[in-house]
Every structure is written in C-alpha cells, then in structure tokens.
C-alpha cells in the first residue's frame, strides 16, 4: 500500500491542482512531481519563476502558495507496482469535502491528467458542481504525445482565476 502526501494548501489557495497518486520517484523523494522528466515544475518555473531553476523544493512550494495554487491527489492510498495510473488497485480517496470546508477560498480545480479526474469524479461527483474545473494534459513523462509547448499553453491559460 502506498500513500499520497499531505495537501499543499493555505487560506489563500484559489486553484487546487489535483493529481492521481505520486509516482515512485516522488514517493522516494517525498516531493510532488519529483521525476526529472515530469513537466510540472518546468511549467510552473516558466509561468511563475521567469523560467529560472528552483533553489529547492521549499522554494517551489512557496512559489505556488504565493500565487494561490495548492496541490493534492485524488487518492489517499492504493496498491500499485511502478508509477502508472493504469496499474492502480484498491484506491482509497482523499477527503476533499473536509479539505474544501477548511479552505473555502478554492475556486478552481485543475486535474493533472484524465485519471486524476476519473478518481475524483468517482468519489466526489457532487463537489464538482461547486467549482470551475478543467482536465489538463498530464505533465507525466508517460504523456509524451503532447509537446511541452502545447502543455504549457494549456496550463498557462488554466492558471488564471476567474
């Protein structure tokens, strides 16, 4: 059984980016999106850090929070060999009802890939009616069919609060 991370969120979070479950590299590092080929932090650096390299993980997290962005995963735990979402077995959802009650300023949900949305919808369908949301192209290296430029364009447009 593997477990996801605690949410990265504060009272100023307006956009919550929702993944499925951290991959093997992320779990080992204890960091969201730690795989070097994952485009997530590269997209965030281009959008919020003048395309500069990050000093460390703390700077990454603080930059997101400063810009009203939080992170969490659809699943609290599951069984999975490797990192592919398609290999997830015995999923247990995170408690988004409690999270949203604690952090009521969240306005928009961005799902990092189709599977993150599928799991969220399965367990929290009624919550979707309360938020603007979009299913984003996965930043995972497994999603090589979409170029970085296209991923960035879609993410950049979605990282705006209505």
Protein backbone atom coordinates (compact mmCIF):
# COMPACT_ATOMS: atom_id res chain seq x y z
CA UNK A 1 0.00 0.00 0.00
CA UNK A 2 1.37 3.42 -0.96
CA UNK A 3 0.15 6.72 0.47
CA UNK A 4 -0.09 10.19 -1.01
CA UNK A 5 1.31 13.35 0.55
CA UNK A 6 -0.42 15.88 2.75
CA UNK A 7 -2.07 18.66 0.77
CA UNK A 8 -0.05 21.73 -0.11
CA UNK A 9 -2.64 24.42 0.61
CA UNK A 10 -3.27 27.51 2.70
CA UNK A 11 -6.06 30.00 3.30
CA UNK A 12 -5.13 31.96 0.14
CA UNK A 13 -5.32 28.98 -2.22
CA UNK A 14 -7.72 29.67 -5.09
CA UNK A 15 -6.61 26.97 -7.54
CA UNK A 16 -6.11 23.36 -6.48
CA UNK A 17 -4.14 21.12 -8.81
CA UNK A 18 -5.18 17.52 -8.30
CA UNK A 19 -3.02 14.59 -9.35
CA UNK A 20 -3.79 10.91 -9.00
CA UNK A 21 -1.06 9.46 -6.77
CA UNK A 22 2.67 10.28 -6.53
CA UNK A 23 4.93 8.09 -8.64
CA UNK A 24 7.83 6.01 -7.36
CA UNK A 25 10.41 8.80 -7.72
CA UNK A 26 8.16 11.33 -5.98
CA UNK A 27 7.37 8.95 -3.13
CA UNK A 28 11.07 8.23 -2.63
CA UNK A 29 11.94 11.96 -2.66
CA UNK A 30 8.92 12.95 -0.57
CA UNK A 31 8.10 15.66 -3.13
CA UNK A 32 5.26 16.26 -5.55
CA UNK A 33 6.31 15.78 -9.20
CA UNK A 34 9.93 14.84 -8.41
CA UNK A 35 10.61 12.83 -11.59
CA UNK A 36 13.09 14.83 -13.70
CA UNK A 37 11.10 14.19 -16.89
CA UNK A 38 7.82 15.36 -15.38
CA UNK A 39 6.98 18.73 -16.93
CA UNK A 40 5.09 20.07 -13.90
CA UNK A 41 7.86 22.13 -12.26
CA UNK A 42 9.20 23.24 -15.64
CA UNK A 43 5.74 24.61 -16.48
CA UNK A 44 5.48 26.30 -13.08
CA UNK A 45 9.00 27.78 -13.44
CA UNK A 46 8.14 29.24 -16.82
CA UNK A 47 4.86 30.68 -15.51
CA UNK A 48 5.91 31.89 -12.04
CA UNK A 49 9.72 31.87 -11.79
CA UNK A 50 10.94 33.58 -15.00
CA UNK A 51 11.98 30.15 -16.32
CA UNK A 52 14.71 30.04 -13.65
CA UNK A 53 15.82 26.88 -11.92
CA UNK A 54 14.39 26.39 -8.46
CA UNK A 55 16.71 26.62 -5.46
CA UNK A 56 14.97 23.73 -3.74
CA UNK A 57 11.63 22.09 -3.09
CA UNK A 58 10.73 24.63 -0.42
CA UNK A 59 11.04 27.43 -2.98
CA UNK A 60 8.79 25.50 -5.38
CA UNK A 61 6.09 25.04 -2.74
CA UNK A 62 6.31 28.64 -1.51
CA UNK A 63 6.04 29.99 -5.06
CA UNK A 64 2.87 28.03 -5.67
CA UNK A 65 1.31 29.13 -2.40
CA UNK A 66 2.27 32.78 -3.04
CA UNK A 67 0.40 32.52 -6.31
CA UNK A 68 -2.73 30.99 -4.78
CA UNK A 69 -2.04 27.46 -6.00
CA UNK A 70 -2.27 24.26 -3.99
CA UNK A 71 -1.57 20.59 -4.69
CA UNK A 72 -3.17 17.33 -3.62
CA UNK A 73 -4.03 13.94 -5.06
CA UNK A 74 -7.36 12.27 -5.74
CA UNK A 75 -6.23 9.22 -3.83
CA UNK A 76 -5.07 8.87 -0.25
CA UNK A 77 -3.66 5.38 -0.83
CA UNK A 78 -3.66 2.47 -3.24
CA UNK A 79 -1.74 -0.57 -4.33
CA UNK A 80 0.41 -0.02 -7.40
CA UNK A 81 3.54 -1.54 -8.91
CA UNK A 82 5.55 1.21 -10.60
CA UNK A 83 4.17 4.66 -11.34
CA UNK A 84 1.46 4.21 -13.96
CA UNK A 85 -2.05 5.30 -13.01
CA UNK A 86 -3.41 2.40 -15.07
CA UNK A 87 -1.84 -0.01 -12.54
CA UNK A 88 -3.70 1.38 -9.50
CA UNK A 89 -5.58 -1.18 -7.43
CA UNK A 90 -7.64 -0.79 -4.24
CA UNK A 91 -7.88 3.02 -4.36
CA UNK A 92 -8.91 4.95 -1.26
CA UNK A 93 -9.91 8.59 -1.91
CA UNK A 94 -8.69 11.68 -0.09
CA UNK A 95 -11.31 13.64 1.88
CA UNK A 96 -11.96 16.65 -0.33
CA UNK A 97 -15.17 17.60 1.45
CA UNK A 98 -13.21 18.25 4.62
CA UNK A 99 -10.41 20.00 2.71
CA UNK A 100 -12.80 22.40 0.97
CA UNK A 101 -14.62 23.13 4.23
CA UNK A 102 -11.29 24.02 5.82
CA UNK A 103 -10.08 26.06 2.82
CA UNK A 104 -13.17 27.77 1.37
CA UNK A 105 -11.29 30.14 -0.97
CA UNK A 106 -10.61 27.39 -3.53
CA UNK A 107 -12.42 28.38 -6.73
CA UNK A 108 -10.93 26.20 -9.44
CA UNK A 109 -9.79 22.59 -9.72
CA UNK A 110 -7.21 21.56 -12.30
CA UNK A 111 -6.87 17.82 -12.79
CA UNK A 112 -3.37 16.76 -13.83
CA UNK A 113 -4.48 14.14 -16.30
CA UNK A 114 -7.61 12.19 -17.07
CA UNK A 115 -7.13 9.54 -14.35
CA UNK A 116 -6.97 12.16 -11.58
CA UNK A 117 -10.35 13.42 -12.77
CA UNK A 118 -11.83 9.92 -13.09
CA UNK A 119 -10.97 9.05 -9.49
CA UNK A 120 -12.14 12.43 -8.15
CA UNK A 121 -15.44 12.17 -10.03
CA UNK A 122 -15.99 8.60 -8.83
CA UNK A 123 -15.76 9.59 -5.16
CA UNK A 124 -16.69 13.30 -5.17
CA UNK A 125 -19.00 13.87 -8.12
CA UNK A 126 -21.31 16.22 -6.19
CA UNK A 127 -18.40 18.50 -5.27
CA UNK A 128 -17.65 19.22 -8.93
CA UNK A 129 -20.77 21.38 -9.19
CA UNK A 130 -19.26 23.89 -6.74
CA UNK A 131 -16.10 24.66 -8.74
CA UNK A 132 -14.77 25.65 -12.11
CA UNK A 133 -12.65 22.73 -13.23
CA UNK A 134 -10.58 21.52 -16.15
CA UNK A 135 -8.90 18.28 -17.10
CA UNK A 136 -5.35 19.20 -18.03
CA UNK A 137 -2.85 17.34 -20.17
CA UNK A 138 -0.84 15.20 -17.78
CA UNK A 139 2.62 16.53 -17.03
CA UNK A 140 3.85 12.95 -16.63
CA UNK A 141 6.63 11.72 -18.92
CA UNK A 142 4.20 8.93 -19.87
CA UNK A 143 2.18 11.61 -21.73
CA UNK A 144 4.74 12.14 -24.48
CA UNK A 145 2.12 12.59 -27.22
CA UNK A 146 1.59 16.24 -26.19
CA UNK A 147 4.53 18.60 -26.68
CA UNK A 148 5.86 20.73 -23.85
CA UNK A 149 4.85 23.88 -25.75
CA UNK A 150 1.25 22.67 -26.04
CA UNK A 151 1.15 21.54 -22.39
CA UNK A 152 2.48 24.91 -21.30
CA UNK A 153 -0.05 26.85 -23.37
CA UNK A 154 -2.97 24.90 -21.90
CA UNK A 155 -1.65 25.08 -18.32
CA UNK A 156 -0.82 28.79 -18.57
CA UNK A 157 -4.37 29.62 -19.66
CA UNK A 158 -5.86 27.49 -16.87
CA UNK A 159 -3.73 29.04 -14.11
CA UNK A 160 -5.88 32.15 -14.12
CA UNK A 161 -8.61 32.52 -11.52
CA UNK A 162 -11.92 33.73 -12.93
